[in-house]
Each structure stands twice: as C-alpha cells, then as structure tokens.
Amino acid sequence: MQAARRFLCAAALALPLAAFAQAYPNKPVRIVVPQPPGGGFDTVGRLIADRMGKVSGQSFVVENRTGSGTLVGTDFAAKAPADGYTLLVGSVSNLALNPGLYANLPYDSLRDFEPVGLLVSYSYTLVGRKDLPMKSLQEVLAYAKANPGKLNYASAGNGSGQHVLAAALWHLAKVDVAHVPYRGAQPAYQDLLGGRVDLFFDLSPTARVQVDAGNAKALAVSGAARNTMHPQVPTVLESGAAELQLESWFGLFAPAKTPPEALQKLRADFAKVAAMADVQETLGKSGGKPMALIGDDARAVVQRDVEHWSRLVKTLGIRAE
C-alpha cells in the first residue's frame, strides 16, 4: 500500500513537468536586447527571434531595454521570472567584459544565466571618418602620440564592447584618445559620418556597411585573422600596435533556475536554428563565424572569456565611466 501511494505521489509530481514540457512555449517569449536597435545585439536578436518563432510555432519578440551600456537590460533579464518566457541576447560585452568594468555589477554572468546556445562570433573593425587624414592604424597612433587628446573615438556606450576594445588599444599603445560615448551604434555613426567624431571601433558587420558605402575608412580589424569581407584591412596584431585581439560571440541565455524542460526545448530549437543553411549564409555574408555551440559547450566558452577579459580589463585599469 505504501509503495503504491509513493508511486502515485511521484506520478502526480511528474504530471506538471510533463505537461510543462509538452505545452512550452504556450505564449509569446520575450528576448531582451540590452542595446538600442541598429547594432550587433539587435541584429542577432532579431534573427534568433524570427527563426526560433518559426521552429517553435510561437512568437519570440525582441524587447530593447537600454541604459548604462548593457547593464539595465542584462540585469532586467537576470532578475526576470525563471519561467522560460524572458530570455537575453548575451555577448562578450555584457557577460565577459562587464565583470571587470564594474566593481558592483548587479548580476553574476556565470551564476545568474543558463546558456541556451552561442550562434555567431564577429570581429570589430576600427573605422575613421572618411576625411580623416590618417590611412592606417600606425598613422593614427603616430598622430595621437604627437597630439595627445586631439583625436576622439565613439562607442555605443560606457562599458560596451566598442568602448573596452578601443580603450584597451589606446592603453596598450600608450596614447591619449578622448572617449565620446553614445546610446547605441546608430547615433555614433551619425556623428562619425557628420565629422563630429574621428574613430569608431564597431562590430565588423555594421562597420562594413559604412565602409562599403564610402562613408568611412577601415583601418584595422580585431580578430586573429583578417576579415573575409575586407581582406585588405590588416589586423591590430599585424599592425604591430598592440598584442590585442577580440571576437565577440552572441547567443541566447535564460535566467538561472529556468525549468530544465524549458531549457531542453529551447536548446533543441536553437540547435535547429543554428543548423539552418540560410542562417549560416546570412551570418557568413555579414562577416561572422557561425558557432552553433549548445548548453555546456557554450558555457565553457563563456566561462573562459569571463575569466580572461575580466582579468585583462582589471590589469589594464579600464573602468566604466
């Protein structure tokens, strides 16, 4: 009798889990993008949302939550109900760089999030306004050394990947270049194209659009190898300016303690999205490297970069302003 009672209790407890797994998602899923429209976060987030919706048969809706670089949106997602209906676009910027930039970060990148998967990685391209006299990174650094504080550079906000990468470059090259933070990439480009800022170290896909249109000049890329979209542009390493390289991955994350059934469904659908030929083609044409890392494989990359970049940022003394 007791054994039968225990079996019935276990079965009763299992029913809600099975029902959850079968029904999820049964309403629209929100994907938080912690930067404004127009940048890398937003582009990847909308691609993921569109394809996840097609695979699951349920709507995935992008919500741009901005402020303090990427802090506001990322912290919002970390503290959202862990029910599978609020997810985050995570990147090197908000998950690997911020732990070194902020002394009192309101979230823990490793404890507060579960990786669904990583989709793509991108290098950054240092671009200059089209009438900038300098034609290479070496010329930029030579001018900056001779004229401290005369050049300036844009970023998509304090603590953004654009900010940290450029600040690390200037720090290692021992030059003084003034920082002009914006709220997202679009206003930064408006001032770059208008001649009000000199330089911008942006993600290669969005930088490429402006370079190909003749609105800006490409000076260097941050990856270990040249970008296939602009093979004539040297890497920072090739320029001899600094021992510096960075490629920013982008992926989908859920709040910690999200039900395992929801994570299993999300990861299965994400794997299907990452394997789609048109997704890989879209990412490749934009200069990205498809990754398709799911679950624990994604977690290993995130943990490696959190440890590496938080340590390097602290060593360089770079802080969010």
C-alpha atoms as a PDB file:
ATOM      1  CA  MET A   1       0.000   0.000   0.000  1.00  0.00           C
ATOM      2  CA  GLN A   2       2.765   2.423   0.935  1.00  0.00           C
ATOM      3  CA  ALA A   3       4.674   1.599  -2.243  1.00  0.00           C
ATOM      4  CA  ALA A   4       1.572   2.224  -4.308  1.00  0.00           C
ATOM      5  CA  ARG A   5       0.983   5.506  -2.507  1.00  0.00           C
ATOM      6  CA  ARG A   6       4.586   6.590  -3.180  1.00  0.00           C
ATOM      7  CA  PHE A   7       4.195   5.665  -6.848  1.00  0.00           C
ATOM      8  CA  LEU A   8       1.008   7.707  -7.126  1.00  0.00           C
ATOM      9  CA  CYS A   9       2.669  10.704  -5.448  1.00  0.00           C
ATOM     10  CA  ALA A  10       5.659  10.502  -7.781  1.00  0.00           C
ATOM     11  CA  ALA A  11       3.378  10.222 -10.782  1.00  0.00           C
ATOM     12  CA  ALA A  12       1.375  13.223  -9.608  1.00  0.00           C
ATOM     13  CA  LEU A  13       4.551  15.275  -9.248  1.00  0.00           C
ATOM     14  CA  ALA A  14       5.740  14.243 -12.700  1.00  0.00           C
ATOM     15  CA  LEU A  15       2.500  15.236 -14.421  1.00  0.00           C
ATOM     16  CA  PRO A  16       3.030  19.018 -14.188  1.00  0.00           C
ATOM     17  CA  LEU A  17       6.579  18.646 -15.528  1.00  0.00           C
ATOM     18  CA  ALA A  18       5.416  16.553 -18.451  1.00  0.00           C
ATOM     19  CA  ALA A  19       2.592  18.981 -19.131  1.00  0.00           C
ATOM     20  CA  PHE A  20       5.016  21.907 -18.966  1.00  0.00           C
ATOM     21  CA  ALA A  21       7.406  20.270 -21.403  1.00  0.00           C
ATOM     22  CA  GLN A  22       4.585  19.453 -23.798  1.00  0.00           C
ATOM     23  CA  ALA A  23       2.998  22.906 -23.661  1.00  0.00           C
ATOM     24  CA  TYR A  24       6.091  25.141 -23.612  1.00  0.00           C
ATOM     25  CA  PRO A  25       6.068  27.715 -25.062  1.00  0.00           C
ATOM     26  CA  ASN A  26       2.333  28.400 -24.954  1.00  0.00           C
ATOM     27  CA  LYS A  27       2.600  32.205 -25.098  1.00  0.00           C
ATOM     28  CA  PRO A  28       4.997  34.737 -26.669  1.00  0.00           C
ATOM     29  CA  VAL A  29       8.598  34.629 -25.452  1.00  0.00           C
ATOM     30  CA  ARG A  30      10.426  37.888 -24.813  1.00  0.00           C
ATOM     31  CA  ILE A  31      14.061  38.247 -25.924  1.00  0.00           C
ATOM     32  CA  VAL A  32      15.753  41.150 -24.146  1.00  0.00           C
ATOM     33  CA  VAL A  33      18.282  43.059 -26.248  1.00  0.00           C
ATOM     34  CA  PRO A  34      20.336  45.296 -23.903  1.00  0.00           C
ATOM     35  CA  GLN A  35      21.196  47.896 -26.560  1.00  0.00           C
ATOM     36  CA  PRO A  36      19.140  50.060 -28.945  1.00  0.00           C
ATOM     37  CA  PRO A  37      18.098  48.966 -32.450  1.00  0.00           C
ATOM     38  CA  GLY A  38      20.705  49.049 -35.170  1.00  0.00           C
ATOM     39  CA  GLY A  39      23.709  47.376 -33.526  1.00  0.00           C
ATOM     40  CA  GLY A  40      25.060  43.836 -33.322  1.00  0.00           C
ATOM     41  CA  PHE A  41      22.928  42.836 -30.324  1.00  0.00           C
ATOM     42  CA  ASP A  42      19.758  43.893 -32.105  1.00  0.00           C
ATOM     43  CA  THR A  43      20.648  42.310 -35.452  1.00  0.00           C
ATOM     44  CA  VAL A  44      21.450  38.929 -33.911  1.00  0.00           C
ATOM     45  CA  GLY A  45      18.495  39.136 -31.528  1.00  0.00           C
ATOM     46  CA  ARG A  46      16.011  39.694 -34.342  1.00  0.00           C
ATOM     47  CA  LEU A  47      17.471  36.858 -36.402  1.00  0.00           C
ATOM     48  CA  ILE A  48      17.193  34.497 -33.424  1.00  0.00           C
ATOM     49  CA  ALA A  49      13.660  35.674 -32.620  1.00  0.00           C
ATOM     50  CA  ASP A  50      12.452  35.192 -36.182  1.00  0.00           C
ATOM     51  CA  ARG A  51      13.876  31.692 -36.594  1.00  0.00           C
ATOM     52  CA  MET A  52      13.013  30.475 -33.081  1.00  0.00           C
ATOM     53  CA  GLY A  53       9.448  31.560 -33.755  1.00  0.00           C
ATOM     54  CA  LYS A  54       9.328  29.578 -36.979  1.00  0.00           C
ATOM     55  CA  VAL A  55      10.780  26.452 -35.365  1.00  0.00           C
ATOM     56  CA  SER A  56       8.590  26.531 -32.242  1.00  0.00           C
ATOM     57  CA  GLY A  57       5.376  27.858 -33.766  1.00  0.00           C
ATOM     58  CA  GLN A  58       5.236  30.534 -31.044  1.00  0.00           C
ATOM     59  CA  SER A  59       6.155  34.227 -31.217  1.00  0.00           C
ATOM     60  CA  PHE A  60       9.579  35.339 -29.974  1.00  0.00           C
ATOM     61  CA  VAL A  61       9.520  39.115 -29.512  1.00  0.00           C
ATOM     62  CA  VAL A  62      12.573  41.375 -29.227  1.00  0.00           C
ATOM     63  CA  GLU A  63      12.446  43.986 -26.468  1.00  0.00           C
ATOM     64  CA  ASN A  64      15.195  46.622 -26.447  1.00  0.00           C
ATOM     65  CA  ARG A  65      15.990  47.566 -22.829  1.00  0.00           C
ATOM     66  CA  THR A  66      18.809  50.066 -22.790  1.00  0.00           C
ATOM     67  CA  GLY A  67      20.777  52.096 -20.292  1.00  0.00           C
ATOM     68  CA  SER A  68      24.227  52.189 -18.670  1.00  0.00           C
ATOM     69  CA  GLY A  69      25.834  50.430 -21.605  1.00  0.00           C
ATOM     70  CA  THR A  70      24.327  46.958 -21.419  1.00  0.00           C
ATOM     71  CA  LEU A  71      23.696  46.896 -17.648  1.00  0.00           C
ATOM     72  CA  VAL A  72      19.992  47.750 -17.488  1.00  0.00           C
ATOM     73  CA  GLY A  73      18.767  45.151 -19.949  1.00  0.00           C
ATOM     74  CA  THR A  74      21.090  42.406 -18.748  1.00  0.00           C
ATOM     75  CA  ASP A  75      20.190  42.938 -15.089  1.00  0.00           C
ATOM     76  CA  PHE A  76      16.492  43.004 -16.003  1.00  0.00           C
ATOM     77  CA  ALA A  77      16.816  39.603 -17.669  1.00  0.00           C
ATOM     78  CA  ALA A  78      18.826  38.192 -14.747  1.00  0.00           C
ATOM     79  CA  LYS A  79      16.048  39.137 -12.318  1.00  0.00           C
ATOM     80  CA  ALA A  80      13.126  38.151 -14.559  1.00  0.00           C
ATOM     81  CA  PRO A  81      10.958  35.176 -13.572  1.00  0.00           C
ATOM     82  CA  ALA A  82      12.805  31.981 -14.481  1.00  0.00           C
ATOM     83  CA  ASP A  83       9.888  30.539 -16.419  1.00  0.00           C
ATOM     84  CA  GLY A  84      11.350  30.408 -19.918  1.00  0.00           C
ATOM     85  CA  TYR A  85       9.412  33.422 -21.160  1.00  0.00           C
ATOM     86  CA  THR A  86      12.148  36.043 -20.715  1.00  0.00           C
ATOM     87  CA  LEU A  87      15.483  35.413 -22.433  1.00  0.00           C
ATOM     88  CA  LEU A  88      18.586  37.518 -23.095  1.00  0.00           C
ATOM     89  CA  VAL A  89      20.883  38.145 -26.020  1.00  0.00           C
ATOM     90  CA  GLY A  90      24.264  37.684 -24.391  1.00  0.00           C
ATOM     91  CA  SER A  91      27.652  38.680 -25.754  1.00  0.00           C
ATOM     92  CA  VAL A  92      31.245  39.219 -24.722  1.00  0.00           C
ATOM     93  CA  SER A  93      30.223  42.800 -23.974  1.00  0.00           C
ATOM     94  CA  ASN A  94      27.574  42.256 -21.308  1.00  0.00           C
ATOM     95  CA  LEU A  95      28.721  38.909 -19.911  1.00  0.00           C
ATOM     96  CA  ALA A  96      32.541  38.803 -20.201  1.00  0.00           C
ATOM     97  CA  LEU A  97      33.634  42.452 -20.137  1.00  0.00           C
ATOM     98  CA  ASN A  98      31.268  43.919 -17.561  1.00  0.00           C
ATOM     99  CA  PRO A  99      32.582  41.819 -14.630  1.00  0.00           C
ATOM    100  CA  GLY A 100      35.923  43.591 -14.998  1.00  0.00           C
ATOM    101  CA  LEU A 101      34.461  47.014 -15.715  1.00  0.00           C
ATOM    102  CA  TYR A 102      32.106  47.396 -12.768  1.00  0.00           C
ATOM    103  CA  ALA A 103      33.075  46.996  -9.133  1.00  0.00           C
ATOM    104  CA  ASN A 104      29.462  46.389  -8.099  1.00  0.00           C
ATOM    105  CA  LEU A 105      27.957  44.526 -11.030  1.00  0.00           C
ATOM    106  CA  PRO A 106      24.317  43.754 -10.123  1.00  0.00           C
ATOM    107  CA  TYR A 107      24.406  40.318 -11.748  1.00  0.00           C
ATOM    108  CA  ASP A 108      26.815  37.384 -11.987  1.00  0.00           C
ATOM    109  CA  SER A 109      27.388  36.288 -15.569  1.00  0.00           C
ATOM    110  CA  LEU A 110      28.015  32.644 -14.663  1.00  0.00           C
ATOM    111  CA  ARG A 111      25.613  32.133 -11.760  1.00  0.00           C
ATOM    112  CA  ASP A 112      22.630  34.151 -12.973  1.00  0.00           C
ATOM    113  CA  PHE A 113      22.314  32.788 -16.517  1.00  0.00           C
ATOM    114  CA  GLU A 114      21.953  29.446 -18.272  1.00  0.00           C
ATOM    115  CA  PRO A 115      23.338  29.368 -21.824  1.00  0.00           C
ATOM    116  CA  VAL A 116      20.881  28.207 -24.434  1.00  0.00           C
ATOM    117  CA  GLY A 117      23.490  28.458 -27.168  1.00  0.00           C
ATOM    118  CA  LEU A 118      26.027  30.628 -28.989  1.00  0.00           C
ATOM    119  CA  LEU A 119      25.202  31.438 -32.601  1.00  0.00           C
ATOM    120  CA  VAL A 120      27.995  33.543 -34.091  1.00  0.00           C
ATOM    121  CA  SER A 121      31.179  35.488 -33.417  1.00  0.00           C
ATOM    122  CA  TYR A 122      32.253  38.759 -35.029  1.00  0.00           C
ATOM    123  CA  SER A 123      35.451  40.742 -35.113  1.00  0.00           C
ATOM    124  CA  TYR A 124      35.469  44.515 -34.674  1.00  0.00           C
ATOM    125  CA  THR A 125      36.666  46.978 -37.310  1.00  0.00           C
ATOM    126  CA  LEU A 126      38.303  50.281 -36.420  1.00  0.00           C
ATOM    127  CA  VAL A 127      36.853  52.862 -38.807  1.00  0.00           C
ATOM    128  CA  GLY A 128      37.694  56.524 -39.250  1.00  0.00           C
ATOM    129  CA  ARG A 129      35.629  59.348 -40.686  1.00  0.00           C
ATOM    130  CA  LYS A 130      36.075  59.426 -44.445  1.00  0.00           C
ATOM    131  CA  ASP A 131      38.086  62.665 -44.446  1.00  0.00           C
ATOM    132  CA  LEU A 132      40.452  61.538 -41.675  1.00  0.00           C
ATOM    133  CA  PRO A 133      43.985  62.269 -42.973  1.00  0.00           C
ATOM    134  CA  MET A 134      45.415  59.060 -41.479  1.00  0.00           C
ATOM    135  CA  LYS A 135      45.179  55.952 -43.669  1.00  0.00           C
ATOM    136  CA  SER A 136      46.306  53.240 -41.222  1.00  0.00           C
ATOM    137  CA  LEU A 137      46.310  52.376 -37.536  1.00  0.00           C
ATOM    138  CA  GLN A 138      50.032  53.124 -37.378  1.00  0.00           C
ATOM    139  CA  GLU A 139      49.395  56.651 -38.690  1.00  0.00           C
ATOM    140  CA  VAL A 140      46.560  57.150 -36.190  1.00  0.00           C
ATOM    141  CA  LEU A 141      48.801  56.144 -33.291  1.00  0.00           C
ATOM    142  CA  ALA A 142      51.683  58.296 -34.508  1.00  0.00           C
ATOM    143  CA  TYR A 143      49.392  61.333 -34.676  1.00  0.00           C
ATOM    144  CA  ALA A 144      47.858  60.550 -31.280  1.00  0.00           C
ATOM    145  CA  LYS A 145      51.304  60.336 -29.662  1.00  0.00           C
ATOM    146  CA  ALA A 146      52.306  63.682 -31.140  1.00  0.00           C
ATOM    147  CA  ASN A 147      48.943  65.309 -30.338  1.00  0.00           C
ATOM    148  CA  PRO A 148      47.575  63.921 -27.043  1.00  0.00           C
ATOM    149  CA  GLY A 149      43.808  64.306 -26.659  1.00  0.00           C
ATOM    150  CA  LYS A 150      43.282  65.777 -30.137  1.00  0.00           C
ATOM    151  CA  LEU A 151      41.645  62.645 -31.580  1.00  0.00           C
ATOM    152  CA  ASN A 152      38.426  61.182 -30.220  1.00  0.00           C
ATOM    153  CA  TYR A 153      36.553  57.911 -30.605  1.00  0.00           C
ATOM    154  CA  ALA A 154      32.900  56.942 -30.368  1.00  0.00           C
ATOM    155  CA  SER A 155      31.392  53.966 -28.566  1.00  0.00           C
ATOM    156  CA  ALA A 156      27.902  52.547 -28.203  1.00  0.00           C
ATOM    157  CA  GLY A 157      28.002  53.414 -24.504  1.00  0.00           C
ATOM    158  CA  ASN A 158      30.173  53.199 -21.417  1.00  0.00           C
ATOM    159  CA  GLY A 159      31.236  49.606 -20.872  1.00  0.00           C
ATOM    160  CA  SER A 160      30.228  48.476 -24.361  1.00  0.00           C
ATOM    161  CA  GLY A 161      32.493  46.217 -26.386  1.00  0.00           C
ATOM    162  CA  GLN A 162      33.385  49.168 -28.601  1.00  0.00           C
ATOM    163  CA  HIS A 163      34.461  51.155 -25.547  1.00  0.00           C
ATOM    164  CA  VAL A 164      36.549  48.433 -23.932  1.00  0.00           C
ATOM    165  CA  LEU A 165      38.316  47.302 -27.092  1.00  0.00           C
ATOM    166  CA  ALA A 166      39.264  50.836 -28.126  1.00  0.00           C
ATOM    167  CA  ALA A 167      40.286  51.795 -24.581  1.00  0.00           C
ATOM    168  CA  ALA A 168      42.468  48.683 -24.367  1.00  0.00           C
ATOM    169  CA  LEU A 169      44.120  49.578 -27.678  1.00  0.00           C
ATOM    170  CA  TRP A 170      44.878  53.169 -26.642  1.00  0.00           C
ATOM    171  CA  HIS A 171      46.104  51.973 -23.244  1.00  0.00           C
ATOM    172  CA  LEU A 172      48.472  49.381 -24.704  1.00  0.00           C
ATOM    173  CA  ALA A 173      49.699  51.822 -27.362  1.00  0.00           C
ATOM    174  CA  LYS A 174      50.182  54.495 -24.662  1.00  0.00           C
ATOM    175  CA  VAL A 175      48.202  57.209 -26.447  1.00  0.00           C
ATOM    176  CA  ASP A 176      45.519  59.631 -25.270  1.00  0.00           C
ATOM    177  CA  VAL A 177      42.353  59.482 -27.386  1.00  0.00           C
ATOM    178  CA  ALA A 178      39.179  61.045 -25.957  1.00  0.00           C
ATOM    179  CA  HIS A 179      36.114  58.852 -25.434  1.00  0.00           C
ATOM    180  CA  VAL A 180      32.703  60.030 -26.690  1.00  0.00           C
ATOM    181  CA  PRO A 181      30.007  57.565 -25.548  1.00  0.00           C
ATOM    182  CA  TYR A 182      26.645  57.317 -27.314  1.00  0.00           C
ATOM    183  CA  ARG A 183      23.445  55.428 -26.636  1.00  0.00           C
ATOM    184  CA  GLY A 184      23.903  52.776 -29.292  1.00  0.00           C
ATOM    185  CA  ALA A 185      25.730  52.431 -32.595  1.00  0.00           C
ATOM    186  CA  GLN A 186      23.341  54.454 -34.756  1.00  0.00           C
ATOM    187  CA  PRO A 187      23.927  57.861 -33.102  1.00  0.00           C
ATOM    188  CA  ALA A 188      27.654  57.102 -33.024  1.00  0.00           C
ATOM    189  CA  TYR A 189      27.610  56.605 -36.783  1.00  0.00           C
ATOM    190  CA  GLN A 190      25.581  59.761 -37.282  1.00  0.00           C
ATOM    191  CA  ASP A 191      28.350  61.799 -35.685  1.00  0.00           C
ATOM    192  CA  LEU A 192      31.123  59.826 -37.392  1.00  0.00           C
ATOM    193  CA  LEU A 193      29.522  60.453 -40.783  1.00  0.00           C
ATOM    194  CA  GLY A 194      28.930  64.070 -39.810  1.00  0.00           C
ATOM    195  CA  GLY A 195      32.605  64.545 -38.978  1.00  0.00           C
ATOM    196  CA  ARG A 196      31.993  65.221 -35.278  1.00  0.00           C
ATOM    197  CA  VAL A 197      33.977  62.179 -34.084  1.00  0.00           C
ATOM    198  CA  ASP A 198      37.119  60.716 -35.606  1.00  0.00           C
ATOM    199  CA  LEU A 199      37.090  56.977 -34.892  1.00  0.00           C
ATOM    200  CA  PHE A 200      34.756  54.113 -34.011  1.00  0.00           C
ATOM    201  CA  PHE A 201      35.742  50.504 -33.200  1.00  0.00           C
ATOM    202  CA  ASP A 202      32.489  48.770 -34.118  1.00  0.00           C
ATOM    203  CA  LEU A 203      31.397  45.240 -34.917  1.00  0.00           C
ATOM    204  CA  SER A 204      32.585  44.357 -38.411  1.00  0.00           C
ATOM    205  CA  PRO A 205      29.134  43.664 -39.964  1.00  0.00           C
ATOM    206  CA  THR A 206      27.774  47.130 -39.169  1.00  0.00           C
ATOM    207  CA  ALA A 207      31.107  48.833 -39.848  1.00  0.00           C
ATOM    208  CA  ARG A 208      31.250  47.136 -43.233  1.00  0.00           C
ATOM    209  CA  VAL A 209      28.016  48.801 -44.356  1.00  0.00           C
ATOM    210  CA  GLN A 210      29.504  52.257 -43.849  1.00  0.00           C
ATOM    211  CA  VAL A 211      32.872  51.335 -45.367  1.00  0.00           C
ATOM    212  CA  ASP A 212      31.295  49.793 -48.468  1.00  0.00           C
ATOM    213  CA  ALA A 213      29.116  52.886 -48.891  1.00  0.00           C
ATOM    214  CA  GLY A 214      32.194  55.114 -48.824  1.00  0.00           C
ATOM    215  CA  ASN A 215      31.077  56.821 -45.618  1.00  0.00           C
ATOM    216  CA  ALA A 216      34.058  55.688 -43.517  1.00  0.00           C
ATOM    217  CA  LYS A 217      37.508  54.169 -43.941  1.00  0.00           C
ATOM    218  CA  ALA A 218      38.574  50.838 -42.414  1.00  0.00           C
ATOM    219  CA  LEU A 219      41.876  50.950 -40.519  1.00  0.00           C
ATOM    220  CA  ALA A 220      42.209  47.618 -38.667  1.00  0.00           C
ATOM    221  CA  VAL A 221      40.256  44.551 -37.525  1.00  0.00           C
ATOM    222  CA  SER A 222      40.372  42.973 -34.076  1.00  0.00           C
ATOM    223  CA  GLY A 223      40.291  39.282 -34.995  1.00  0.00           C
ATOM    224  CA  ALA A 224      43.150  36.809 -35.073  1.00  0.00           C
ATOM    225  CA  ALA A 225      42.883  36.806 -38.886  1.00  0.00           C
ATOM    226  CA  ARG A 226      41.730  39.293 -41.495  1.00  0.00           C
ATOM    227  CA  ASN A 227      38.009  39.530 -42.142  1.00  0.00           C
ATOM    228  CA  THR A 228      36.913  37.881 -45.385  1.00  0.00           C
ATOM    229  CA  MET A 229      34.629  40.839 -46.103  1.00  0.00           C
ATOM    230  CA  HIS A 230      37.601  43.248 -46.078  1.00  0.00           C
ATOM    231  CA  PRO A 231      40.682  41.100 -46.730  1.00  0.00           C
ATOM    232  CA  GLN A 232      42.813  44.160 -47.479  1.00  0.00           C
ATOM    233  CA  VAL A 233      42.380  45.533 -43.932  1.00  0.00           C
ATOM    234  CA  PRO A 234      45.148  44.347 -41.546  1.00  0.00           C
ATOM    235  CA  THR A 235      44.580  43.072 -38.031  1.00  0.00           C
ATOM    236  CA  VAL A 236      45.655  45.015 -34.959  1.00  0.00           C
ATOM    237  CA  LEU A 237      48.270  42.304 -34.394  1.00  0.00           C
ATOM    238  CA  GLU A 238      49.656  42.743 -37.921  1.00  0.00           C
ATOM    239  CA  SER A 239      49.964  46.474 -37.409  1.00  0.00           C
ATOM    240  CA  GLY A 240      52.325  45.883 -34.501  1.00  0.00           C
ATOM    241  CA  ALA A 241      50.392  48.416 -32.435  1.00  0.00           C
ATOM    242  CA  ALA A 242      49.441  46.066 -29.601  1.00  0.00           C
ATOM    243  CA  GLU A 243      49.076  42.407 -28.629  1.00  0.00           C
ATOM    244  CA  LEU A 244      45.318  42.662 -28.766  1.00  0.00           C
ATOM    245  CA  GLN A 245      42.563  40.628 -30.366  1.00  0.00           C
ATOM    246  CA  LEU A 246      38.861  40.207 -29.684  1.00  0.00           C
ATOM    247  CA  GLU A 247      35.989  38.481 -31.387  1.00  0.00           C
ATOM    248  CA  SER A 248      32.579  38.915 -29.844  1.00  0.00           C
ATOM    249  CA  TRP A 249      30.232  35.954 -29.695  1.00  0.00           C
ATOM    250  CA  PHE A 250      26.465  36.370 -29.496  1.00  0.00           C
ATOM    251  CA  GLY A 251      23.958  33.879 -28.175  1.00  0.00           C
ATOM    252  CA  LEU A 252      20.778  33.230 -26.250  1.00  0.00           C
ATOM    253  CA  PHE A 253      20.620  32.937 -22.459  1.00  0.00           C
ATOM    254  CA  ALA A 254      17.923  32.139 -19.901  1.00  0.00           C
ATOM    255  CA  PRO A 255      17.750  33.209 -16.251  1.00  0.00           C
ATOM    256  CA  ALA A 256      19.220  30.700 -13.810  1.00  0.00           C
ATOM    257  CA  LYS A 257      16.706  28.179 -12.416  1.00  0.00           C
ATOM    258  CA  THR A 258      14.703  28.161 -15.636  1.00  0.00           C
ATOM    259  CA  PRO A 259      12.898  24.778 -15.640  1.00  0.00           C
ATOM    260  CA  PRO A 260      15.035  22.076 -17.265  1.00  0.00           C
ATOM    261  CA  GLU A 261      12.144  21.162 -19.550  1.00  0.00           C
ATOM    262  CA  ALA A 262      12.075  24.688 -20.941  1.00  0.00           C
ATOM    263  CA  LEU A 263      15.859  24.727 -21.359  1.00  0.00           C
ATOM    264  CA  GLN A 264      15.759  21.396 -23.156  1.00  0.00           C
ATOM    265  CA  LYS A 265      13.139  22.692 -25.585  1.00  0.00           C
ATOM    266  CA  LEU A 266      14.972  25.991 -26.113  1.00  0.00           C
ATOM    267  CA  ARG A 267      18.278  24.263 -26.759  1.00  0.00           C
ATOM    268  CA  ALA A 268      16.749  21.782 -29.178  1.00  0.00           C
ATOM    269  CA  ASP A 269      15.077  24.578 -31.145  1.00  0.00           C
ATOM    270  CA  PHE A 270      18.199  26.762 -31.019  1.00  0.00           C
ATOM    271  CA  ALA A 271      20.267  23.891 -32.443  1.00  0.00           C
ATOM    272  CA  LYS A 272      17.821  23.659 -35.349  1.00  0.00           C
ATOM    273  CA  VAL A 273      18.105  27.406 -35.946  1.00  0.00           C
ATOM    274  CA  ALA A 274      21.918  27.307 -35.855  1.00  0.00           C
ATOM    275  CA  ALA A 275      21.923  24.469 -38.404  1.00  0.00           C
ATOM    276  CA  MET A 276      19.711  26.301 -40.912  1.00  0.00           C
ATOM    277  CA  ALA A 277      21.557  26.891 -44.179  1.00  0.00           C
ATOM    278  CA  ASP A 278      20.053  30.356 -44.639  1.00  0.00           C
ATOM    279  CA  VAL A 279      21.073  31.382 -41.116  1.00  0.00           C
ATOM    280  CA  GLN A 280      24.658  30.272 -41.701  1.00  0.00           C
ATOM    281  CA  GLU A 281      24.664  32.033 -45.070  1.00  0.00           C
ATOM    282  CA  THR A 282      23.324  35.254 -43.534  1.00  0.00           C
ATOM    283  CA  LEU A 283      25.930  35.173 -40.775  1.00  0.00           C
ATOM    284  CA  GLY A 284      28.749  34.357 -43.188  1.00  0.00           C
ATOM    285  CA  LYS A 285      27.813  37.115 -45.622  1.00  0.00           C
ATOM    286  CA  SER A 286      27.952  39.624 -42.786  1.00  0.00           C
ATOM    287  CA  GLY A 287      31.482  38.534 -41.891  1.00  0.00           C
ATOM    288  CA  GLY A 288      30.505  36.372 -38.944  1.00  0.00           C
ATOM    289  CA  LYS A 289      31.736  32.923 -37.956  1.00  0.00           C
ATOM    290  CA  PRO A 290      28.820  30.551 -37.221  1.00  0.00           C
ATOM    291  CA  MET A 291      29.350  28.771 -33.889  1.00  0.00           C
ATOM    292  CA  ALA A 292      26.361  26.510 -33.071  1.00  0.00           C
ATOM    293  CA  LEU A 293      27.510  25.792 -29.507  1.00  0.00           C
ATOM    294  CA  ILE A 294      24.738  24.475 -27.257  1.00  0.00           C
ATOM    295  CA  GLY A 295      24.417  24.134 -23.477  1.00  0.00           C
ATOM    296  CA  ASP A 296      27.635  23.031 -21.759  1.00  0.00           C
ATOM    297  CA  ASP A 297      29.762  23.734 -24.842  1.00  0.00           C
ATOM    298  CA  ALA A 298      28.518  27.319 -24.806  1.00  0.00           C
ATOM    299  CA  ARG A 299      29.075  27.555 -21.052  1.00  0.00           C
ATOM    300  CA  ALA A 300      32.747  26.578 -21.440  1.00  0.00           C
ATOM    301  CA  VAL A 301      33.353  29.434 -23.901  1.00  0.00           C
ATOM    302  CA  VAL A 302      31.527  31.941 -21.704  1.00  0.00           C
ATOM    303  CA  GLN A 303      33.456  30.896 -18.593  1.00  0.00           C
ATOM    304  CA  ARG A 304      36.780  31.095 -20.432  1.00  0.00           C
ATOM    305  CA  ASP A 305      36.079  34.609 -21.697  1.00  0.00           C
ATOM    306  CA  VAL A 306      34.660  35.869 -18.402  1.00  0.00           C
ATOM    307  CA  GLU A 307      37.874  34.828 -16.671  1.00  0.00           C
ATOM    308  CA  HIS A 308      40.181  36.143 -19.417  1.00  0.00           C
ATOM    309  CA  TRP A 309      38.554  39.505 -20.094  1.00  0.00           C
ATOM    310  CA  SER A 310      37.639  40.444 -16.549  1.00  0.00           C
ATOM    311  CA  ARG A 311      41.261  39.817 -15.556  1.00  0.00           C
ATOM    312  CA  LEU A 312      42.654  41.770 -18.530  1.00  0.00           C
ATOM    313  CA  VAL A 313      40.299  44.715 -18.043  1.00  0.00           C
ATOM    314  CA  LYS A 314      41.311  44.974 -14.394  1.00  0.00           C
ATOM    315  CA  THR A 315      45.002  44.669 -15.285  1.00  0.00           C
ATOM    316  CA  LEU A 316      44.697  47.472 -17.826  1.00  0.00           C
ATOM    317  CA  GLY A 317      42.850  49.628 -15.314  1.00  0.00           C
ATOM    318  CA  ILE A 318      39.903  50.253 -17.631  1.00  0.00           C
ATOM    319  CA  ARG A 319      36.721  51.195 -15.778  1.00  0.00           C
ATOM    320  CA  ALA A 320      33.249  52.110 -16.921  1.00  0.00           C
ATOM    321  CA  GLU A 321      32.858  55.863 -16.521  1.00  0.00           C
END
